[in-house]
Amino acid sequence: MAKTTIVDWKTITDFVTDAFIAYGVPKEDAEICADVLLESDKRGIESHGVNRFKPVYLDRIKSGIQNAVTNIEIIKETPTTAVIDGHHGMGQVIGYKAMSMAIKKAKEYGMGMVVVRNSCHYGIAGYYSSMATKAGCIGMTGTNARPSVAPTNGVEGMFGTNPFTIGVPTDEAFDFNFDCATSITQNGKIEYYERINKDVAPGTIINEDGSAVTGDAGVALKKIRNGSAALTTLGGIGEELGGYKGYGFALAVEFFSSILQDGAYGKALDGKDEQGNIRPYQLGHWFIAIDTEHFMGEDIARKKAGEITRSMRSSKKAPNADRIYTAGEKEYEIRLSRKDGVPINESVQKEITFVRDECCLTKYKFPWEE
């Protein structure tokens, strides 16, 4: 496993914010981007945190396929709905403002839904569902992504990892927050495995001949990128263990991410034009907020949700299980355990040092340099 070094939260937050600003992102937007990015690390989701800071966001700004300045256009709006064009701006900014709009509509009318087209990677979907639960709403969101997942009984990447996320406010220290891809694993996790020299799990990726990809994550990632392998949906290869269920959920997310906003889907999200040149990813997102106060009230909803989650955790455990969890609990415990800072592996350390030097952010000195 790769060696990591802890960087305190203030230092890494200030640095990420300043680096975004140096790349042309306005200060207020840079603070949003940094907050979304590092929230992933605080929850222990390394696949979407500082590991992706340079290659997914900064490099795309530099290459011209993502705009540092986000110009959001409202295409159509009703009291409870809105259609937004993100014009290839920062996905985190677009996501934050879209969910904020959905929550505002829900607070006034009970429910709000906002859909987005022409966006970029928006970070962990669970950030936006958490925005809703903090406001006393049930929150849902999803996004389509570059095609890397095969439909059941197929071997070609036709759609993205397409996360489906739901957050429910509870009366506990943490809300219920279920955030997962509709594939068994996601591209970001394979990228992270490559960085820490960890093999891929058998059954998570399928070869062109229908066999399972095993071994080196870097090799697997290259095969996914060149189209000779694809990720598998929840349930795995074939139908025996319910792969068709993950397939169905993935298409549901694809529909919400494209048909309501007349957005791109499937192969059009591969980031390449007809000549093979890179272009914006044209991603679509959707955000739903349901205000509990418009039903039986936030206090009742939180209490009932807490009762349900506690009943799950107190149920009979498997013989070898230490405990039963509910969604959001592990992330809450990791947040508590990471009070001192974020662990950064050696590969990402080099990227951070490079960005620091490139942007002349000389006030920053990192622990691995001492």
Protein backbone atom coordinates (compact mmCIF):
# COMPACT_ATOMS: atom_id res chain seq x y z
CA MET A 1 0.00 0.00 0.00
CA ALA A 2 1.16 3.54 -0.75
CA LYS A 3 2.56 5.66 2.07
CA THR A 4 0.40 8.61 3.15
CA THR A 5 1.08 11.88 4.97
CA ILE A 6 -1.49 13.83 6.99
CA VAL A 7 -2.13 17.46 6.03
CA ASP A 8 -4.29 19.51 8.42
CA TRP A 9 -7.68 20.62 7.15
CA LYS A 10 -7.02 24.36 7.19
CA THR A 11 -3.83 24.04 5.15
CA ILE A 12 -5.33 21.75 2.51
CA THR A 13 -8.57 23.75 2.31
CA ASP A 14 -6.74 27.06 1.89
CA PHE A 15 -4.37 25.54 -0.67
CA VAL A 16 -7.08 23.92 -2.79
CA THR A 17 -9.09 27.16 -2.72
CA ASP A 18 -6.07 29.27 -3.71
CA ALA A 19 -5.14 26.83 -6.48
CA PHE A 20 -8.64 27.00 -7.95
CA ILE A 21 -8.44 30.80 -7.82
CA ALA A 22 -5.04 30.69 -9.55
CA TYR A 23 -6.66 28.67 -12.33
CA GLY A 24 -9.28 31.39 -12.83
CA VAL A 25 -12.14 30.21 -10.60
CA PRO A 26 -13.77 33.16 -8.78
CA LYS A 27 -13.13 33.17 -5.02
CA GLU A 28 -16.71 32.35 -3.95
CA ASP A 29 -16.88 29.50 -6.46
CA ALA A 30 -13.41 28.26 -5.48
CA GLU A 31 -14.58 27.97 -1.87
CA ILE A 32 -17.55 25.87 -2.97
CA CYS A 33 -15.34 23.64 -5.11
CA ALA A 34 -12.87 23.12 -2.26
CA ASP A 35 -15.67 22.35 0.20
CA VAL A 36 -17.24 19.71 -2.06
CA LEU A 37 -13.88 18.18 -2.93
CA LEU A 38 -12.62 17.90 0.65
CA GLU A 39 -15.97 16.78 2.05
CA SER A 40 -15.26 13.59 0.15
CA ASP A 41 -12.00 13.08 2.03
CA LYS A 42 -13.66 13.92 5.34
CA ARG A 43 -16.10 11.08 4.70
CA GLY A 44 -13.33 8.69 3.69
CA ILE A 45 -14.27 8.65 -0.01
CA GLU A 46 -10.73 8.97 -1.40
CA SER A 47 -11.87 8.25 -4.95
CA HIS A 48 -13.50 11.70 -5.21
CA GLY A 49 -11.30 13.91 -3.03
CA VAL A 50 -7.81 15.37 -3.45
CA ASN A 51 -6.92 12.35 -5.58
CA ARG A 52 -8.95 13.97 -8.35
CA PHE A 53 -8.06 17.60 -7.67
CA LYS A 54 -5.48 17.99 -10.43
CA PRO A 55 -6.36 15.36 -13.07
CA VAL A 56 -10.14 15.88 -13.12
CA TYR A 57 -10.53 19.58 -12.40
CA LEU A 58 -7.35 21.59 -12.92
CA ASP A 59 -6.18 19.65 -15.98
CA ARG A 60 -9.59 19.99 -17.61
CA ILE A 61 -9.60 23.75 -17.03
CA LYS A 62 -6.09 23.95 -18.52
CA SER A 63 -7.07 21.85 -21.54
CA GLY A 64 -10.05 24.10 -22.27
CA ILE A 65 -12.83 21.52 -21.84
CA GLN A 66 -14.09 22.98 -18.57
CA ASN A 67 -14.71 26.66 -17.82
CA ALA A 68 -13.23 28.15 -14.65
CA VAL A 69 -15.95 30.80 -14.62
CA THR A 70 -19.39 29.21 -14.26
CA ASN A 71 -22.20 30.91 -16.17
CA ILE A 72 -25.48 29.28 -15.18
CA GLU A 73 -28.45 29.87 -17.45
CA ILE A 74 -32.01 29.08 -16.40
CA ILE A 75 -33.66 27.67 -19.53
CA LYS A 76 -37.11 27.12 -18.04
CA GLU A 77 -38.60 27.56 -14.58
CA THR A 78 -41.88 26.92 -12.77
CA PRO A 79 -42.66 27.33 -9.06
CA THR A 80 -41.49 23.75 -8.35
CA THR A 81 -39.09 22.95 -11.22
CA ALA A 82 -36.21 24.41 -13.20
CA VAL A 83 -34.01 23.46 -16.15
CA ILE A 84 -30.44 24.78 -16.01
CA ASP A 85 -27.66 24.92 -18.59
CA GLY A 86 -24.28 24.91 -16.87
CA HIS A 87 -22.32 25.87 -20.01
CA HIS A 88 -19.46 23.52 -19.03
CA GLY A 89 -18.63 25.39 -15.83
CA MET A 90 -17.50 23.95 -12.51
CA GLY A 91 -19.74 21.01 -11.65
CA GLN A 92 -19.54 21.63 -7.91
CA VAL A 93 -20.77 25.19 -8.32
CA ILE A 94 -23.56 24.11 -10.64
CA GLY A 95 -24.58 21.32 -8.26
CA TYR A 96 -24.52 23.56 -5.19
CA LYS A 97 -26.66 26.23 -6.80
CA ALA A 98 -29.07 23.72 -8.37
CA MET A 99 -29.73 21.92 -5.08
CA SER A 100 -30.04 25.27 -3.29
CA MET A 101 -32.73 26.19 -5.80
CA ALA A 102 -34.51 22.84 -5.32
CA ILE A 103 -34.49 23.30 -1.53
CA LYS A 104 -35.84 26.84 -1.78
CA LYS A 105 -38.69 25.62 -3.98
CA ALA A 106 -39.40 22.74 -1.59
CA LYS A 107 -39.55 25.09 1.39
CA GLU A 108 -42.16 27.17 -0.39
CA TYR A 109 -44.19 24.53 -2.23
CA GLY A 110 -43.32 21.22 -0.56
CA MET A 111 -41.23 19.77 -3.37
CA GLY A 112 -38.64 21.09 -5.80
CA MET A 113 -36.78 19.51 -8.70
CA VAL A 114 -33.98 21.05 -10.75
CA VAL A 115 -32.32 19.37 -13.73
CA VAL A 116 -29.02 20.36 -15.35
CA ARG A 117 -27.40 19.92 -18.74
CA ASN A 118 -23.88 20.73 -19.99
CA SER A 119 -22.15 20.34 -16.65
CA CYS A 120 -18.92 18.68 -15.52
CA HIS A 121 -18.02 16.24 -12.75
CA TYR A 122 -19.76 17.52 -9.60
CA GLY A 123 -17.89 15.57 -6.93
CA ILE A 124 -19.61 13.27 -4.43
CA ALA A 125 -23.36 13.18 -4.98
CA GLY A 126 -23.87 12.79 -1.24
CA TYR A 127 -22.76 16.39 -0.68
CA TYR A 128 -25.97 17.62 -2.29
CA SER A 129 -28.30 15.20 -0.53
CA SER A 130 -26.67 16.35 2.74
CA MET A 131 -27.51 19.95 1.81
CA ALA A 132 -31.14 18.88 1.74
CA THR A 133 -31.13 16.93 5.01
CA LYS A 134 -29.50 19.84 6.85
CA ALA A 135 -32.47 21.92 5.68
CA GLY A 136 -34.95 19.34 6.96
CA CYS A 137 -35.66 17.94 3.49
CA ILE A 138 -35.37 14.52 1.94
CA GLY A 139 -32.84 15.02 -0.83
CA MET A 140 -32.11 13.04 -3.96
CA THR A 141 -29.63 13.53 -6.75
CA GLY A 142 -27.94 11.67 -9.57
CA THR A 143 -25.70 12.29 -12.54
CA ASN A 144 -24.77 10.55 -15.73
CA ALA A 145 -21.11 10.09 -16.61
CA ARG A 146 -18.71 9.04 -19.35
CA PRO A 147 -19.68 5.63 -20.78
CA SER A 148 -17.74 2.91 -18.97
CA VAL A 149 -20.42 0.49 -17.73
CA ALA A 150 -21.89 -2.36 -19.77
CA PRO A 151 -25.58 -3.26 -19.79
CA THR A 152 -26.48 -6.72 -18.50
CA ASN A 153 -25.42 -9.38 -21.04
CA GLY A 154 -23.28 -6.76 -22.81
CA VAL A 155 -19.55 -6.05 -22.77
CA GLU A 156 -19.45 -2.49 -24.14
CA GLY A 157 -19.42 0.62 -21.97
CA MET A 158 -22.71 2.31 -22.85
CA PHE A 159 -23.45 4.50 -19.83
CA GLY A 160 -21.71 5.87 -16.77
CA THR A 161 -21.44 4.79 -13.16
CA ASN A 162 -24.60 6.91 -12.68
CA PRO A 163 -24.89 7.32 -8.89
CA PHE A 164 -28.31 7.35 -7.26
CA THR A 165 -28.25 9.19 -3.94
CA ILE A 166 -30.85 9.80 -1.25
CA GLY A 167 -30.54 11.62 2.06
CA VAL A 168 -33.12 11.48 4.87
CA PRO A 169 -32.98 13.73 7.96
CA THR A 170 -32.86 11.84 11.27
CA ASP A 171 -32.73 12.72 14.97
CA GLU A 172 -29.25 11.21 15.29
CA ALA A 173 -25.81 12.84 15.11
CA PHE A 174 -25.72 11.93 11.42
CA ASP A 175 -28.44 11.80 8.78
CA PHE A 176 -29.17 8.78 6.61
CA ASN A 177 -27.19 9.37 3.43
CA PHE A 178 -27.09 6.63 0.82
CA ASP A 179 -24.63 7.56 -1.93
CA CYS A 180 -23.47 4.92 -4.36
CA ALA A 181 -22.88 4.23 -8.02
CA THR A 182 -25.21 1.90 -9.89
CA SER A 183 -22.08 -0.01 -10.95
CA ILE A 184 -20.24 -2.24 -8.47
CA THR A 185 -17.30 0.12 -8.48
CA GLN A 186 -16.53 3.44 -10.11
CA ASN A 187 -13.79 4.88 -12.29
CA GLY A 188 -12.49 7.03 -9.45
CA LYS A 189 -11.96 3.99 -7.25
CA ILE A 190 -10.04 2.17 -10.02
CA GLU A 191 -7.92 5.31 -10.43
CA TYR A 192 -7.31 5.33 -6.68
CA TYR A 193 -6.40 1.62 -6.70
CA GLU A 194 -3.84 2.37 -9.42
CA ARG A 195 -2.27 5.07 -7.23
CA ILE A 196 -1.96 2.75 -4.21
CA ASN A 197 -1.02 -0.38 -6.23
CA LYS A 198 -4.13 -2.36 -5.32
CA ASP A 199 -5.64 -5.00 -7.64
CA VAL A 200 -9.23 -4.78 -8.86
CA ALA A 201 -11.82 -7.14 -7.38
CA PRO A 202 -12.88 -10.02 -9.68
CA GLY A 203 -16.31 -9.48 -11.22
CA THR A 204 -16.27 -5.69 -11.12
CA ILE A 205 -14.97 -5.33 -14.68
CA ILE A 206 -15.81 -7.43 -17.75
CA ASN A 207 -13.58 -8.19 -20.77
CA GLU A 208 -14.77 -8.12 -24.37
CA ASP A 209 -14.97 -11.94 -24.30
CA GLY A 210 -17.27 -11.85 -21.25
CA SER A 211 -14.64 -12.96 -18.72
CA ALA A 212 -13.88 -11.06 -15.55
CA VAL A 213 -10.93 -8.65 -15.50
CA THR A 214 -8.54 -9.30 -12.60
CA GLY A 215 -5.19 -7.99 -11.39
CA ASP A 216 -3.46 -4.67 -11.86
CA ALA A 217 -5.80 -1.65 -11.58
CA GLY A 218 -3.68 0.40 -13.99
CA VAL A 219 -4.03 -2.23 -16.70
CA ALA A 220 -7.76 -2.49 -16.02
CA LEU A 221 -8.15 1.28 -16.27
CA LYS A 222 -6.41 1.37 -19.64
CA LYS A 223 -8.71 -1.37 -20.93
CA ILE A 224 -11.76 0.57 -19.79
CA ARG A 225 -10.43 3.73 -21.46
CA ASN A 226 -9.71 2.02 -24.80
CA GLY A 227 -13.05 0.20 -24.81
CA SER A 228 -11.74 -3.35 -24.45
CA ALA A 229 -13.32 -3.74 -21.01
CA ALA A 230 -16.23 -2.24 -19.08
CA LEU A 231 -17.41 -1.89 -15.50
CA THR A 232 -20.32 -4.08 -14.40
CA THR A 233 -23.60 -2.95 -12.85
CA LEU A 234 -24.68 -3.71 -9.28
CA GLY A 235 -25.35 -7.44 -9.16
CA GLY A 236 -22.37 -8.24 -11.35
CA ILE A 237 -21.94 -10.13 -14.59
CA GLY A 238 -25.12 -11.67 -16.02
CA GLU A 239 -28.54 -11.97 -14.39
CA GLU A 240 -28.05 -14.69 -11.77
CA LEU A 241 -27.18 -12.28 -8.94
CA GLY A 242 -29.40 -9.47 -10.18
CA GLY A 243 -27.13 -7.53 -12.52
CA TYR A 244 -30.25 -6.44 -14.40
CA LYS A 245 -31.36 -4.53 -11.30
CA GLY A 246 -28.27 -2.35 -11.32
CA TYR A 247 -28.75 -1.93 -15.06
CA GLY A 248 -32.32 -0.71 -14.54
CA PHE A 249 -31.32 1.75 -11.82
CA ALA A 250 -28.49 3.04 -14.04
CA LEU A 251 -30.90 3.79 -16.88
CA ALA A 252 -33.31 5.48 -14.47
CA VAL A 253 -30.49 7.87 -13.52
CA GLU A 254 -29.64 8.31 -17.21
CA PHE A 255 -33.25 9.26 -17.98
CA PHE A 256 -33.42 11.82 -15.15
CA SER A 257 -30.05 13.20 -16.29
CA SER A 258 -31.02 13.71 -19.93
CA ILE A 259 -34.66 13.56 -21.00
CA LEU A 260 -36.08 16.36 -18.83
CA GLN A 261 -33.38 18.84 -19.83
CA ASP A 262 -32.83 17.60 -23.43
CA GLY A 263 -29.26 16.74 -22.50
CA ALA A 264 -26.55 14.44 -23.82
CA TYR A 265 -26.38 10.76 -22.82
CA GLY A 266 -24.40 7.55 -23.29
CA LYS A 267 -21.62 7.65 -25.86
CA ALA A 268 -21.97 11.43 -26.28
CA LEU A 269 -20.46 11.80 -22.80
CA ASP A 270 -17.07 10.29 -23.64
CA GLY A 271 -15.35 13.67 -23.89
CA LYS A 272 -14.35 13.18 -27.55
CA ASP A 273 -15.74 14.55 -30.80
CA GLU A 274 -16.09 12.65 -34.09
CA GLN A 275 -12.41 13.24 -34.89
CA GLY A 276 -11.25 12.03 -31.50
CA ASN A 277 -10.43 15.47 -30.15
CA ILE A 278 -11.22 16.21 -26.50
CA ARG A 279 -14.31 18.27 -25.75
CA PRO A 280 -16.48 19.12 -22.71
CA TYR A 281 -18.19 16.12 -21.09
CA GLN A 282 -21.73 17.59 -21.31
CA LEU A 283 -22.93 15.85 -18.16
CA GLY A 284 -26.47 16.02 -16.84
CA HIS A 285 -27.56 16.10 -13.18
CA TRP A 286 -30.84 16.13 -11.29
CA PHE A 287 -31.76 17.33 -7.80
CA ILE A 288 -34.93 16.72 -5.80
CA ALA A 289 -35.83 18.21 -2.42
CA ILE A 290 -38.92 17.20 -0.41
CA ASP A 291 -39.66 19.39 2.59
CA THR A 292 -40.72 17.29 5.58
CA GLU A 293 -42.45 20.29 7.18
CA HIS A 294 -45.05 20.21 4.40
CA PHE A 295 -46.07 16.70 5.52
CA MET A 296 -46.28 15.78 9.23
CA GLY A 297 -43.41 18.03 10.21
CA GLU A 298 -39.62 17.89 10.43
CA ASP A 299 -39.50 16.74 14.07
CA ILE A 300 -41.77 13.78 13.41
CA ALA A 301 -39.90 12.86 10.23
CA ARG A 302 -36.51 12.99 11.95
CA LYS A 303 -37.76 10.94 14.92
CA LYS A 304 -39.37 8.28 12.72
CA ALA A 305 -36.30 8.04 10.46
CA GLY A 306 -34.10 7.66 13.53
CA GLU A 307 -36.34 4.89 14.87
CA ILE A 308 -36.09 3.02 11.58
CA THR A 309 -32.30 3.25 11.34
CA ARG A 310 -31.86 2.25 14.99
CA SER A 311 -34.12 -0.75 14.48
CA MET A 312 -31.87 -1.88 11.64
CA ARG A 313 -28.70 -1.54 13.69
CA SER A 314 -30.17 -3.35 16.68
CA SER A 315 -31.37 -6.36 14.68
CA LYS A 316 -29.77 -9.82 14.89
CA LYS A 317 -26.24 -9.81 13.47
CA ALA A 318 -24.51 -12.46 11.38
CA PRO A 319 -22.19 -14.71 13.46
CA ASN A 320 -18.99 -13.03 12.29
CA ALA A 321 -20.30 -9.46 12.15
CA ASP A 322 -19.28 -6.89 14.76
CA ARG A 323 -22.16 -4.54 14.00
CA ILE A 324 -24.81 -3.47 11.52
CA TYR A 325 -24.51 -0.03 9.93
CA THR A 326 -26.92 2.35 8.26
CA ALA A 327 -25.91 4.66 5.40
CA GLY A 328 -23.98 7.69 6.56
CA GLU A 329 -22.77 6.09 9.81
CA LYS A 330 -19.35 4.96 8.60
CA GLU A 331 -18.72 8.31 6.96
CA TYR A 332 -19.64 10.06 10.21
CA GLU A 333 -17.18 7.92 12.17
CA ILE A 334 -14.42 8.50 9.61
CA ARG A 335 -15.02 12.25 9.87
CA LEU A 336 -14.51 12.03 13.63
CA SER A 337 -11.34 9.97 13.18
CA ARG A 338 -9.88 12.44 10.67
CA LYS A 339 -10.02 15.52 12.87
CA ASP A 340 -6.28 16.05 12.39
CA GLY A 341 -6.40 16.22 8.59
CA VAL A 342 -6.48 14.40 5.28
CA PRO A 343 -4.17 11.48 4.42
CA ILE A 344 -2.46 12.15 1.07
CA ASN A 345 -0.59 9.42 -0.80
CA GLU A 346 2.78 9.95 -2.48
CA SER A 347 1.37 10.18 -5.99
CA VAL A 348 -0.99 13.00 -5.02
CA GLN A 349 1.76 14.69 -2.99
CA LYS A 350 3.74 15.14 -6.21
CA GLU A 351 0.70 16.63 -7.95
CA ILE A 352 0.05 19.06 -5.10
CA THR A 353 3.69 20.16 -5.04
CA PHE A 354 3.59 20.66 -8.82
CA VAL A 355 0.43 22.78 -8.62
CA ARG A 356 1.90 24.81 -5.74
CA ASP A 357 5.02 25.60 -7.74
CA GLU A 358 3.16 26.18 -11.00
CA CYS A 359 0.80 28.69 -9.33
CA CYS A 360 3.62 30.32 -7.31
CA LEU A 361 1.76 29.66 -4.06
CA THR A 362 5.03 29.92 -2.16
CA LYS A 363 3.44 30.40 1.28
CA TYR A 364 2.57 26.70 1.39
CA LYS A 365 5.00 24.12 2.72
CA PHE A 366 3.71 20.58 3.15
CA PRO A 367 4.66 17.94 5.75
CA TRP A 368 6.30 15.65 3.18
CA GLU A 369 8.82 18.43 2.45
CA GLU A 370 10.05 18.68 6.04
